[in-house]
Amino acid sequence: MRRTLVLVAAVAVLLAACGGDEGEPTAGEGQDAQEGAAATVEVADSDLGEVLVDGEGNTLYMFVPDEEANGEPTCYDDCAEAWPAYEAIDEPTAGSGADQSMLATVERKDGTDQVTYNDLPLYYFSGDEAAGDTNGQGLNEVWWVVSPEGRPIKGDQGANGDPYGMG
């Protein structure tokens, strides 16, 4: 029994050493970046029409201040806790209905690459609980789902006084 415990402990130490300094992903890391998969953007039907989603069907949003900053990400700190960036490890790819020529990345202040579509940095909303949810749509009139043409879809506006849509 003792020999088995020593063996299990040794294997655990080796696995921890091989894992490097990665630890658990933070709330600000995009889902595909967390999983080590290539970032994919595709089109899905929603109650708002056709919208951009990631490879798992999670809705992607744009932030009006990013558009006003010529495509530079402006959502950091508390904002990024509520609206995690859609990050990429490699070049993003277009899935069904998305236009590869509109996909790129932009470097964030922390050095990670955020997926952009038609120069709009893309985000998740932490208030979306399942694939296809669009709970962040229109919050404070600055968060919008994105059309396959790379434009914000403005409809079903919401405002609740919290600048990050969490209040």
C-alpha atoms as a PDB file:
ATOM      1  CA  MET A   1       0.000   0.000   0.000  1.00  0.00           C
ATOM      2  CA  ARG A   2       2.790   2.419   0.974  1.00  0.00           C
ATOM      3  CA  ARG A   3       4.608   1.609  -2.258  1.00  0.00           C
ATOM      4  CA  THR A   4       1.475   2.483  -4.265  1.00  0.00           C
ATOM      5  CA  LEU A   5       1.113   5.824  -2.469  1.00  0.00           C
ATOM      6  CA  VAL A   6       4.762   6.688  -3.153  1.00  0.00           C
ATOM      7  CA  LEU A   7       4.309   5.797  -6.824  1.00  0.00           C
ATOM      8  CA  VAL A   8       1.136   7.902  -7.101  1.00  0.00           C
ATOM      9  CA  ALA A   9       2.883  10.855  -5.421  1.00  0.00           C
ATOM     10  CA  ALA A  10       5.875  10.562  -7.772  1.00  0.00           C
ATOM     11  CA  VAL A  11       3.635  10.491 -10.839  1.00  0.00           C
ATOM     12  CA  ALA A  12       1.726  13.529  -9.550  1.00  0.00           C
ATOM     13  CA  VAL A  13       4.993  15.466  -9.095  1.00  0.00           C
ATOM     14  CA  LEU A  14       6.107  14.567 -12.629  1.00  0.00           C
ATOM     15  CA  LEU A  15       2.779  15.591 -14.117  1.00  0.00           C
ATOM     16  CA  ALA A  16       2.837  18.897 -12.240  1.00  0.00           C
ATOM     17  CA  ALA A  17       6.355  19.606 -13.508  1.00  0.00           C
ATOM     18  CA  CYS A  18       5.324  18.859 -17.092  1.00  0.00           C
ATOM     19  CA  GLY A  19       2.377  21.221 -16.776  1.00  0.00           C
ATOM     20  CA  GLY A  20       4.625  24.252 -16.419  1.00  0.00           C
ATOM     21  CA  ASP A  21       3.088  27.393 -15.012  1.00  0.00           C
ATOM     22  CA  GLU A  22      -0.291  27.192 -16.682  1.00  0.00           C
ATOM     23  CA  GLY A  23      -2.618  26.610 -13.715  1.00  0.00           C
ATOM     24  CA  GLU A  24      -6.348  27.136 -14.015  1.00  0.00           C
ATOM     25  CA  PRO A  25      -7.588  29.491 -16.731  1.00  0.00           C
ATOM     26  CA  THR A  26      -8.782  32.877 -15.540  1.00  0.00           C
ATOM     27  CA  ALA A  27     -12.160  34.419 -16.269  1.00  0.00           C
ATOM     28  CA  GLY A  28     -10.515  36.770 -18.755  1.00  0.00           C
ATOM     29  CA  GLU A  29      -9.255  33.977 -20.970  1.00  0.00           C
ATOM     30  CA  GLY A  30     -11.376  33.020 -23.968  1.00  0.00           C
ATOM     31  CA  GLN A  31     -12.868  29.552 -24.023  1.00  0.00           C
ATOM     32  CA  ASP A  32     -10.938  28.178 -27.009  1.00  0.00           C
ATOM     33  CA  ALA A  33      -7.674  29.631 -25.698  1.00  0.00           C
ATOM     34  CA  GLN A  34      -8.314  27.843 -22.388  1.00  0.00           C
ATOM     35  CA  GLU A  35      -8.783  24.547 -24.135  1.00  0.00           C
ATOM     36  CA  GLY A  36      -5.777  25.012 -26.403  1.00  0.00           C
ATOM     37  CA  ALA A  37      -7.955  24.710 -29.501  1.00  0.00           C
ATOM     38  CA  ALA A  38      -7.814  26.964 -32.528  1.00  0.00           C
ATOM     39  CA  ALA A  39     -10.247  29.867 -32.317  1.00  0.00           C
ATOM     40  CA  THR A  40     -13.128  29.353 -34.720  1.00  0.00           C
ATOM     41  CA  VAL A  41     -15.795  31.876 -35.643  1.00  0.00           C
ATOM     42  CA  GLU A  42     -18.956  30.666 -37.329  1.00  0.00           C
ATOM     43  CA  VAL A  43     -22.524  31.789 -37.905  1.00  0.00           C
ATOM     44  CA  ALA A  44     -25.561  30.509 -36.020  1.00  0.00           C
ATOM     45  CA  ASP A  45     -29.258  31.314 -36.067  1.00  0.00           C
ATOM     46  CA  SER A  46     -30.598  33.108 -33.006  1.00  0.00           C
ATOM     47  CA  ASP A  47     -33.694  35.018 -31.991  1.00  0.00           C
ATOM     48  CA  LEU A  48     -31.803  38.092 -33.290  1.00  0.00           C
ATOM     49  CA  GLY A  49     -31.111  36.543 -36.698  1.00  0.00           C
ATOM     50  CA  GLU A  50     -27.748  35.168 -37.823  1.00  0.00           C
ATOM     51  CA  VAL A  51     -24.966  35.991 -35.340  1.00  0.00           C
ATOM     52  CA  LEU A  52     -21.305  35.145 -34.830  1.00  0.00           C
ATOM     53  CA  VAL A  53     -20.502  32.353 -32.390  1.00  0.00           C
ATOM     54  CA  ASP A  54     -17.393  30.416 -31.428  1.00  0.00           C
ATOM     55  CA  GLY A  55     -16.818  26.785 -32.402  1.00  0.00           C
ATOM     56  CA  GLU A  56     -18.961  25.639 -29.455  1.00  0.00           C
ATOM     57  CA  GLY A  57     -21.920  27.868 -30.368  1.00  0.00           C
ATOM     58  CA  ASN A  58     -21.255  30.517 -27.696  1.00  0.00           C
ATOM     59  CA  THR A  59     -22.388  33.991 -28.763  1.00  0.00           C
ATOM     60  CA  LEU A  60     -19.708  36.584 -29.528  1.00  0.00           C
ATOM     61  CA  TYR A  61     -20.163  40.313 -28.903  1.00  0.00           C
ATOM     62  CA  MET A  62     -18.559  43.596 -29.899  1.00  0.00           C
ATOM     63  CA  PHE A  63     -18.007  46.624 -27.627  1.00  0.00           C
ATOM     64  CA  VAL A  64     -18.761  50.108 -29.021  1.00  0.00           C
ATOM     65  CA  PRO A  65     -15.727  51.784 -27.329  1.00  0.00           C
ATOM     66  CA  ASP A  66     -13.440  49.338 -29.215  1.00  0.00           C
ATOM     67  CA  GLU A  67     -14.974  50.495 -32.487  1.00  0.00           C
ATOM     68  CA  GLU A  68     -14.405  54.111 -31.426  1.00  0.00           C
ATOM     69  CA  ALA A  69     -10.761  53.201 -30.580  1.00  0.00           C
ATOM     70  CA  ASN A  70     -10.176  51.970 -34.159  1.00  0.00           C
ATOM     71  CA  GLY A  71     -10.362  48.299 -33.223  1.00  0.00           C
ATOM     72  CA  GLU A  72      -8.119  48.417 -30.150  1.00  0.00           C
ATOM     73  CA  PRO A  73      -9.507  46.460 -27.182  1.00  0.00           C
ATOM     74  CA  THR A  74     -10.680  48.744 -24.379  1.00  0.00           C
ATOM     75  CA  CYS A  75     -12.372  46.223 -22.054  1.00  0.00           C
ATOM     76  CA  TYR A  76      -9.986  45.391 -19.195  1.00  0.00           C
ATOM     77  CA  ASP A  77     -10.085  44.765 -15.435  1.00  0.00           C
ATOM     78  CA  ASP A  78     -13.680  44.676 -14.088  1.00  0.00           C
ATOM     79  CA  CYS A  79     -15.031  44.955 -17.614  1.00  0.00           C
ATOM     80  CA  ALA A  80     -13.034  41.891 -18.721  1.00  0.00           C
ATOM     81  CA  GLU A  81     -14.345  39.901 -15.756  1.00  0.00           C
ATOM     82  CA  ALA A  82     -17.878  40.324 -17.084  1.00  0.00           C
ATOM     83  CA  TRP A  83     -16.883  40.309 -20.766  1.00  0.00           C
ATOM     84  CA  PRO A  84     -13.928  37.931 -21.334  1.00  0.00           C
ATOM     85  CA  ALA A  85     -12.021  38.443 -24.571  1.00  0.00           C
ATOM     86  CA  TYR A  86     -12.236  35.711 -27.212  1.00  0.00           C
ATOM     87  CA  GLU A  87      -8.558  34.817 -27.342  1.00  0.00           C
ATOM     88  CA  ALA A  88      -6.582  32.913 -29.935  1.00  0.00           C
ATOM     89  CA  ILE A  89      -3.404  30.882 -29.675  1.00  0.00           C
ATOM     90  CA  ASP A  90      -3.060  30.528 -33.459  1.00  0.00           C
ATOM     91  CA  GLU A  91      -4.664  32.339 -36.367  1.00  0.00           C
ATOM     92  CA  PRO A  92      -8.459  32.145 -36.072  1.00  0.00           C
ATOM     93  CA  THR A  93     -10.398  30.158 -38.642  1.00  0.00           C
ATOM     94  CA  ALA A  94     -13.774  30.731 -40.240  1.00  0.00           C
ATOM     95  CA  GLY A  95     -16.376  28.063 -39.707  1.00  0.00           C
ATOM     96  CA  SER A  96     -19.744  27.741 -41.389  1.00  0.00           C
ATOM     97  CA  GLY A  97     -21.026  31.079 -42.712  1.00  0.00           C
ATOM     98  CA  ALA A  98     -18.112  33.221 -41.491  1.00  0.00           C
ATOM     99  CA  ASP A  99     -15.745  35.103 -43.821  1.00  0.00           C
ATOM    100  CA  GLN A 100     -12.069  34.155 -43.337  1.00  0.00           C
ATOM    101  CA  SER A 101     -10.932  37.478 -44.833  1.00  0.00           C
ATOM    102  CA  MET A 102     -12.637  39.328 -41.945  1.00  0.00           C
ATOM    103  CA  LEU A 103     -10.840  37.320 -39.246  1.00  0.00           C
ATOM    104  CA  ALA A 104      -7.657  38.508 -37.559  1.00  0.00           C
ATOM    105  CA  THR A 105      -6.262  39.102 -34.082  1.00  0.00           C
ATOM    106  CA  VAL A 106      -5.242  42.172 -32.123  1.00  0.00           C
ATOM    107  CA  GLU A 107      -2.737  42.154 -29.279  1.00  0.00           C
ATOM    108  CA  ARG A 108      -4.144  43.040 -25.861  1.00  0.00           C
ATOM    109  CA  LYS A 109      -2.234  44.945 -23.159  1.00  0.00           C
ATOM    110  CA  ASP A 110      -1.400  41.648 -21.443  1.00  0.00           C
ATOM    111  CA  GLY A 111       0.199  40.272 -24.624  1.00  0.00           C
ATOM    112  CA  THR A 112      -2.575  37.815 -25.497  1.00  0.00           C
ATOM    113  CA  ASP A 113      -4.170  37.854 -28.932  1.00  0.00           C
ATOM    114  CA  GLN A 114      -7.872  38.660 -29.172  1.00  0.00           C
ATOM    115  CA  VAL A 115      -9.922  37.489 -32.148  1.00  0.00           C
ATOM    116  CA  THR A 116     -11.346  40.262 -34.326  1.00  0.00           C
ATOM    117  CA  TYR A 117     -13.961  40.141 -37.058  1.00  0.00           C
ATOM    118  CA  ASN A 118     -14.088  43.063 -39.483  1.00  0.00           C
ATOM    119  CA  ASP A 119     -11.683  44.828 -37.067  1.00  0.00           C
ATOM    120  CA  LEU A 120     -14.096  44.406 -34.131  1.00  0.00           C
ATOM    121  CA  PRO A 121     -12.535  42.668 -31.091  1.00  0.00           C
ATOM    122  CA  LEU A 122     -14.830  39.829 -29.998  1.00  0.00           C
ATOM    123  CA  TYR A 123     -15.962  39.013 -26.462  1.00  0.00           C
ATOM    124  CA  TYR A 124     -18.047  36.526 -24.511  1.00  0.00           C
ATOM    125  CA  PHE A 125     -20.617  37.627 -21.929  1.00  0.00           C
ATOM    126  CA  SER A 126     -20.277  35.935 -18.543  1.00  0.00           C
ATOM    127  CA  GLY A 127     -24.061  36.153 -18.155  1.00  0.00           C
ATOM    128  CA  ASP A 128     -24.599  33.742 -21.060  1.00  0.00           C
ATOM    129  CA  GLU A 129     -25.105  30.338 -19.484  1.00  0.00           C
ATOM    130  CA  ALA A 130     -25.441  28.123 -22.550  1.00  0.00           C
ATOM    131  CA  ALA A 131     -24.534  28.055 -26.214  1.00  0.00           C
ATOM    132  CA  GLY A 132     -26.863  30.321 -28.155  1.00  0.00           C
ATOM    133  CA  ASP A 133     -27.696  32.621 -25.224  1.00  0.00           C
ATOM    134  CA  THR A 134     -27.726  36.331 -26.125  1.00  0.00           C
ATOM    135  CA  ASN A 135     -28.182  37.788 -22.637  1.00  0.00           C
ATOM    136  CA  GLY A 136     -25.590  40.499 -23.266  1.00  0.00           C
ATOM    137  CA  GLN A 137     -27.355  41.915 -26.312  1.00  0.00           C
ATOM    138  CA  GLY A 138     -27.787  45.685 -26.116  1.00  0.00           C
ATOM    139  CA  LEU A 139     -26.595  46.038 -22.532  1.00  0.00           C
ATOM    140  CA  ASN A 140     -26.072  49.725 -21.828  1.00  0.00           C
ATOM    141  CA  GLU A 141     -26.337  50.222 -25.576  1.00  0.00           C
ATOM    142  CA  VAL A 142     -22.633  49.391 -25.997  1.00  0.00           C
ATOM    143  CA  TRP A 143     -22.616  45.571 -26.259  1.00  0.00           C
ATOM    144  CA  TRP A 144     -23.970  44.000 -29.446  1.00  0.00           C
ATOM    145  CA  VAL A 145     -23.968  40.641 -31.173  1.00  0.00           C
ATOM    146  CA  VAL A 146     -22.224  40.700 -34.544  1.00  0.00           C
ATOM    147  CA  SER A 147     -23.672  39.869 -37.960  1.00  0.00           C
ATOM    148  CA  PRO A 148     -21.909  37.670 -40.551  1.00  0.00           C
ATOM    149  CA  GLU A 149     -21.215  40.930 -42.426  1.00  0.00           C
ATOM    150  CA  GLY A 150     -19.161  42.129 -39.449  1.00  0.00           C
ATOM    151  CA  ARG A 151     -21.560  44.769 -38.152  1.00  0.00           C
ATOM    152  CA  PRO A 152     -23.279  45.090 -34.790  1.00  0.00           C
ATOM    153  CA  ILE A 153     -26.885  43.940 -34.721  1.00  0.00           C
ATOM    154  CA  LYS A 154     -28.722  46.565 -32.726  1.00  0.00           C
ATOM    155  CA  GLY A 155     -32.010  45.366 -31.345  1.00  0.00           C
ATOM    156  CA  ASP A 156     -33.549  44.125 -28.094  1.00  0.00           C
ATOM    157  CA  GLN A 157     -31.690  46.801 -26.170  1.00  0.00           C
ATOM    158  CA  GLY A 158     -31.186  46.483 -22.459  1.00  0.00           C
ATOM    159  CA  ALA A 159     -29.837  48.838 -19.829  1.00  0.00           C
ATOM    160  CA  ASN A 160     -29.521  48.277 -16.141  1.00  0.00           C
ATOM    161  CA  GLY A 161     -27.207  51.023 -14.900  1.00  0.00           C
ATOM    162  CA  ASP A 162     -24.172  48.768 -14.428  1.00  0.00           C
ATOM    163  CA  PRO A 163     -21.494  49.673 -16.996  1.00  0.00           C
ATOM    164  CA  TYR A 164     -20.580  45.999 -17.391  1.00  0.00           C
ATOM    165  CA  GLY A 165     -24.130  44.674 -17.597  1.00  0.00           C
ATOM    166  CA  MET A 166     -23.904  42.712 -14.381  1.00  0.00           C
ATOM    167  CA  GLY A 167     -26.117  44.761 -12.073  1.00  0.00           C
END
